[in-house]
Amino acid sequence: MYLYSKYPKVSHPEEVSRDTGIDLKNVLWGLRGNGGWFKESDALLKQGVVEQVEHGGSTYYRLAERGKSMIESMHKSQARIKR
């Protein structure tokens, strides 16, 4: 949801960590996977939910169109449930 609130801007993982209170290591594992308990195949990047952007020697992430559509679909479903 954090990247959705920033869409279409990119965010650095440290920014995501700071603004959400989630440990940087866990942010990175969610975005890219770690090869351990959070498999790369389950990572948001691999699933096409986020995209990686290289700029000025740093790596940033933004919500991909697929991720944006997924969140908007969830919002619509929640609104229908509340009716």
C-alpha atoms as a PDB file:
ATOM      1  CA  MET A   1       0.000   0.000   0.000  1.00  0.00           C
ATOM      2  CA  TYR A   2       2.923   2.355   0.621  1.00  0.00           C
ATOM      3  CA  LEU A   3       4.069   2.276  -2.996  1.00  0.00           C
ATOM      4  CA  TYR A   4       0.447   2.758  -4.078  1.00  0.00           C
ATOM      5  CA  SER A   5       0.320   6.000  -2.095  1.00  0.00           C
ATOM      6  CA  LYS A   6       3.464   7.176  -3.915  1.00  0.00           C
ATOM      7  CA  TYR A   7       2.430   6.013  -7.403  1.00  0.00           C
ATOM      8  CA  PRO A   8       3.768   6.779 -10.004  1.00  0.00           C
ATOM      9  CA  LYS A   9       6.852   8.052  -8.158  1.00  0.00           C
ATOM     10  CA  VAL A  10       9.752   5.780  -7.269  1.00  0.00           C
ATOM     11  CA  SER A  11      10.862   5.078  -3.698  1.00  0.00           C
ATOM     12  CA  HIS A  12      14.184   3.993  -2.264  1.00  0.00           C
ATOM     13  CA  PRO A  13      13.993   0.974   0.068  1.00  0.00           C
ATOM     14  CA  GLU A  14      15.370   3.078   2.933  1.00  0.00           C
ATOM     15  CA  GLU A  15      12.505   5.548   2.440  1.00  0.00           C
ATOM     16  CA  VAL A  16       9.986   2.704   2.509  1.00  0.00           C
ATOM     17  CA  SER A  17      11.580   1.354   5.686  1.00  0.00           C
ATOM     18  CA  ARG A  18      11.650   4.730   7.430  1.00  0.00           C
ATOM     19  CA  ASP A  19       8.107   5.741   6.483  1.00  0.00           C
ATOM     20  CA  THR A  20       6.493   2.382   7.301  1.00  0.00           C
ATOM     21  CA  GLY A  21       8.559   1.333  10.312  1.00  0.00           C
ATOM     22  CA  ILE A  22       9.398  -1.982   8.616  1.00  0.00           C
ATOM     23  CA  ASP A  23      12.989  -3.137   9.029  1.00  0.00           C
ATOM     24  CA  LEU A  24      15.043  -2.431   5.879  1.00  0.00           C
ATOM     25  CA  LYS A  25      16.057  -6.078   5.602  1.00  0.00           C
ATOM     26  CA  ASN A  26      12.399  -7.127   5.508  1.00  0.00           C
ATOM     27  CA  VAL A  27      11.550  -4.438   2.948  1.00  0.00           C
ATOM     28  CA  LEU A  28      14.313  -5.723   0.665  1.00  0.00           C
ATOM     29  CA  TRP A  29      13.294  -9.342   1.178  1.00  0.00           C
ATOM     30  CA  GLY A  30       9.709  -8.495   0.233  1.00  0.00           C
ATOM     31  CA  LEU A  31      10.800  -6.608  -2.853  1.00  0.00           C
ATOM     32  CA  ARG A  32      13.511  -8.995  -4.109  1.00  0.00           C
ATOM     33  CA  GLY A  33      13.317 -12.175  -2.039  1.00  0.00           C
ATOM     34  CA  ASN A  34      16.224 -13.507  -0.027  1.00  0.00           C
ATOM     35  CA  GLY A  35      16.625 -17.084  -1.162  1.00  0.00           C
ATOM     36  CA  GLY A  36      15.699 -18.298   2.318  1.00  0.00           C
ATOM     37  CA  TRP A  37      12.290 -18.195   3.946  1.00  0.00           C
ATOM     38  CA  PHE A  38      11.112 -15.494   1.505  1.00  0.00           C
ATOM     39  CA  LYS A  39      11.765 -17.096  -1.842  1.00  0.00           C
ATOM     40  CA  GLU A  40      12.706 -14.981  -4.845  1.00  0.00           C
ATOM     41  CA  SER A  41       9.761 -16.490  -6.733  1.00  0.00           C
ATOM     42  CA  ASP A  42       7.417 -14.969  -4.121  1.00  0.00           C
ATOM     43  CA  ALA A  43       9.020 -11.522  -4.199  1.00  0.00           C
ATOM     44  CA  LEU A  44       6.980  -8.543  -5.365  1.00  0.00           C
ATOM     45  CA  LEU A  45       9.515  -7.806  -8.095  1.00  0.00           C
ATOM     46  CA  LYS A  46       9.410 -11.332  -9.507  1.00  0.00           C
ATOM     47  CA  GLN A  47       5.598 -11.360  -9.365  1.00  0.00           C
ATOM     48  CA  GLY A  48       5.469  -8.170 -11.431  1.00  0.00           C
ATOM     49  CA  VAL A  49       3.820  -6.186  -8.639  1.00  0.00           C
ATOM     50  CA  VAL A  50       6.695  -3.696  -8.445  1.00  0.00           C
ATOM     51  CA  GLU A  51       9.337  -2.582 -10.901  1.00  0.00           C
ATOM     52  CA  GLN A  52      12.960  -1.717 -10.297  1.00  0.00           C
ATOM     53  CA  VAL A  53      14.365   1.601 -11.523  1.00  0.00           C
ATOM     54  CA  GLU A  54      18.086   2.393 -11.590  1.00  0.00           C
ATOM     55  CA  HIS A  55      18.955   6.078 -11.273  1.00  0.00           C
ATOM     56  CA  GLY A  56      22.215   7.765 -10.347  1.00  0.00           C
ATOM     57  CA  GLY A  57      23.803   4.534  -9.142  1.00  0.00           C
ATOM     58  CA  SER A  58      20.916   3.746  -6.773  1.00  0.00           C
ATOM     59  CA  THR A  59      18.050   1.293  -7.044  1.00  0.00           C
ATOM     60  CA  TYR A  60      14.494   2.496  -6.575  1.00  0.00           C
ATOM     61  CA  TYR A  61      11.157   0.721  -6.757  1.00  0.00           C
ATOM     62  CA  ARG A  62       7.697   1.736  -7.866  1.00  0.00           C
ATOM     63  CA  LEU A  63       4.402  -0.002  -8.075  1.00  0.00           C
ATOM     64  CA  ALA A  64       3.941  -1.627 -11.474  1.00  0.00           C
ATOM     65  CA  GLU A  65       0.674  -1.287 -13.356  1.00  0.00           C
ATOM     66  CA  ARG A  66      -0.131  -4.874 -12.337  1.00  0.00           C
ATOM     67  CA  GLY A  67       0.318  -4.004  -8.649  1.00  0.00           C
ATOM     68  CA  LYS A  68      -1.767  -0.864  -9.016  1.00  0.00           C
ATOM     69  CA  SER A  69      -4.574  -2.848 -10.635  1.00  0.00           C
ATOM     70  CA  MET A  70      -4.436  -5.481  -7.886  1.00  0.00           C
ATOM     71  CA  ILE A  71      -4.771  -2.885  -5.118  1.00  0.00           C
ATOM     72  CA  GLU A  72      -7.595  -1.069  -6.883  1.00  0.00           C
ATOM     73  CA  SER A  73      -9.386  -4.386  -7.351  1.00  0.00           C
ATOM     74  CA  MET A  74      -9.054  -5.114  -3.622  1.00  0.00           C
ATOM     75  CA  HIS A  75     -10.449  -1.655  -2.807  1.00  0.00           C
ATOM     76  CA  LYS A  76     -13.463  -2.299  -5.049  1.00  0.00           C
ATOM     77  CA  SER A  77     -14.055  -5.703  -3.449  1.00  0.00           C
ATOM     78  CA  GLN A  78     -13.926  -4.207   0.048  1.00  0.00           C
ATOM     79  CA  ALA A  79     -16.388  -1.508  -0.958  1.00  0.00           C
ATOM     80  CA  ARG A  80     -18.831  -4.148  -2.252  1.00  0.00           C
ATOM     81  CA  ILE A  81     -18.525  -6.136   0.982  1.00  0.00           C
ATOM     82  CA  LYS A  82     -19.306  -3.057   3.092  1.00  0.00           C
ATOM     83  CA  ARG A  83     -22.581  -2.400   1.220  1.00  0.00           C
END
